[in-house]
Protein backbone atom coordinates (compact mmCIF):
# COMPACT_ATOMS: atom_id res chain seq x y z
CA MET A 1 13.51 17.66 5.57
CA ILE A 2 10.15 17.59 3.85
CA LEU A 3 7.05 16.13 5.50
CA PHE A 4 4.55 14.49 3.15
CA PRO A 5 1.21 13.55 4.69
CA ALA A 6 -0.22 11.03 2.26
CA LEU A 7 -3.88 10.21 2.44
CA LEU A 8 -4.28 6.97 0.56
CA SER A 9 -7.42 6.68 -1.47
CA LEU A 10 -9.10 3.80 -3.26
CA ALA A 11 -7.15 0.60 -3.73
CA GLY A 12 -7.55 0.65 -7.50
CA SER A 13 -7.44 -2.47 -9.58
CA VAL A 14 -5.03 -5.36 -9.39
CA GLY A 15 -2.41 -5.55 -12.14
CA GLN A 16 -3.21 -7.77 -15.10
CA GLN A 17 -0.47 -10.28 -14.33
CA MET A 18 -2.07 -11.20 -10.99
CA PRO A 19 -5.33 -13.10 -10.51
CA ALA A 20 -8.11 -10.81 -9.42
CA PRO A 21 -9.11 -11.25 -5.78
CA PRO A 22 -12.78 -11.63 -4.94
CA THR A 23 -14.75 -8.39 -5.18
CA ASN A 24 -15.45 -8.35 -1.44
CA GLU A 25 -11.69 -8.54 -0.74
CA ILE A 26 -11.05 -5.53 -2.98
CA SER A 27 -13.78 -3.65 -1.09
CA VAL A 28 -12.24 -4.54 2.28
CA VAL A 29 -8.76 -3.42 1.19
CA GLY A 30 -10.21 -0.26 -0.37
CA ASN A 31 -12.06 0.60 2.83
CA LYS A 32 -8.89 0.12 4.87
CA LEU A 33 -6.85 2.26 2.48
CA ARG A 34 -9.42 5.05 2.66
CA LYS A 35 -8.77 5.30 6.42
CA LEU A 36 -4.98 5.20 6.19
CA GLN A 37 -2.95 8.39 6.50
CA LEU A 38 0.83 8.21 6.38
CA ASP A 39 3.38 10.72 7.62
CA LEU A 40 6.45 10.42 5.43
CA ASN A 41 9.72 12.19 6.16
CA VAL A 42 11.75 12.67 3.00
CA ASP A 43 15.23 14.18 2.91
CA ALA A 44 17.13 14.71 -0.34
CA GLY A 45 14.73 12.41 -2.22
CA ARG A 46 15.11 9.57 0.28
CA MET A 47 12.45 8.48 2.77
CA THR A 48 13.86 8.66 6.28
CA ALA A 49 10.74 7.79 8.26
CA CYS A 50 7.20 6.57 7.82
CA ARG A 51 4.42 6.07 10.30
CA ALA A 52 0.69 5.55 10.13
CA LYS A 53 -0.74 8.84 11.37
CA VAL A 54 -4.19 7.22 11.11
CA SER A 55 -4.08 3.42 10.90
CA SER A 56 -5.99 1.41 8.35
CA GLY A 57 -6.93 -0.92 11.18
CA ASP A 58 -4.70 -3.62 9.69
CA ARG A 59 -1.05 -3.71 10.76
CA PHE A 60 -0.05 -5.63 7.63
CA ILE A 61 -1.51 -2.94 5.35
CA ASP A 62 0.07 -0.13 7.39
CA ASP A 63 3.51 -1.80 7.21
CA VAL A 64 3.23 -2.63 3.51
CA ALA A 65 2.11 0.94 2.74
CA CYS A 66 5.28 2.31 4.39
CA GLU A 67 7.47 -0.17 2.51
CA SER A 68 5.67 0.70 -0.74
CA ALA A 69 6.21 4.40 -0.02
CA ARG A 70 9.95 3.78 0.37
CA VAL A 71 10.06 2.00 -3.01
CA CYS A 72 7.88 4.62 -4.71
CA ILE A 73 9.94 7.55 -3.44
CA GLY A 74 13.07 5.71 -4.57
CA LYS A 75 11.51 5.58 -8.05
CA ARG A 76 10.95 9.35 -7.81
CA SER A 77 7.16 9.03 -7.62
CA SER A 78 6.94 12.20 -5.56
CA ALA A 79 3.97 13.98 -7.11
CA ARG A 80 1.12 13.49 -4.63
CA ILE A 81 -1.26 11.61 -6.94
CA GLY A 82 1.53 9.54 -8.47
CA LEU A 83 2.85 8.65 -5.03
CA MET A 84 -0.59 7.66 -3.75
CA ASN A 85 -1.25 5.49 -6.82
CA CYS A 86 2.17 3.86 -6.51
CA ILE A 87 1.62 3.09 -2.80
CA ASN A 88 -1.89 1.77 -3.47
CA ASP A 89 -0.56 -0.52 -6.21
CA GLY A 90 2.12 -1.82 -3.84
CA VAL A 91 -0.42 -2.56 -1.10
CA VAL A 92 -2.83 -4.30 -3.47
CA ALA A 93 0.02 -6.41 -4.90
CA ALA A 94 1.22 -7.38 -1.40
CA VAL A 95 -2.31 -8.36 -0.33
CA ALA A 96 -2.64 -10.48 -3.50
CA ARG A 97 0.71 -12.19 -2.76
CA GLU A 98 -0.34 -12.95 0.82
CA ARG A 99 -3.68 -14.29 -0.41
CA ALA A 100 -1.89 -16.56 -2.91
CA LYS A 101 0.44 -17.85 -0.17
CA GLU A 102 -2.53 -18.58 2.07
CA GLU A 103 -4.36 -20.40 -0.72
CA SER A 104 -1.23 -22.44 -1.42
CA ARG A 105 -0.90 -23.41 2.25
CA ASN A 106 -4.58 -24.35 2.36
CA ALA A 107 -4.22 -26.49 -0.78
CA GLU A 108 -1.34 -28.39 0.83
CA ASN A 109 -3.46 -29.30 3.86
């Protein structure tokens, strides 16, 4: 079993196919990701466990980061920088999806 501590860095930019969130939202997500440290257990190229060693302070981001890590490792993004970028992209995309859902619910009301 291999243990990968992954310190997630800046959130990066949102993919071109998604609308850009407000600048302050990117800053908030980036600040949370800077705090987050994940412990990943990987065995034979498969993630067997993930936990937030140091939480981002946002349970949603912590959970999405672990799910993104599972997907990224499945895609063989195991080089440290590649893995961190892949996880960051997954978190930013999930936050954008949640924001879009919230805006849709607000528009219906």
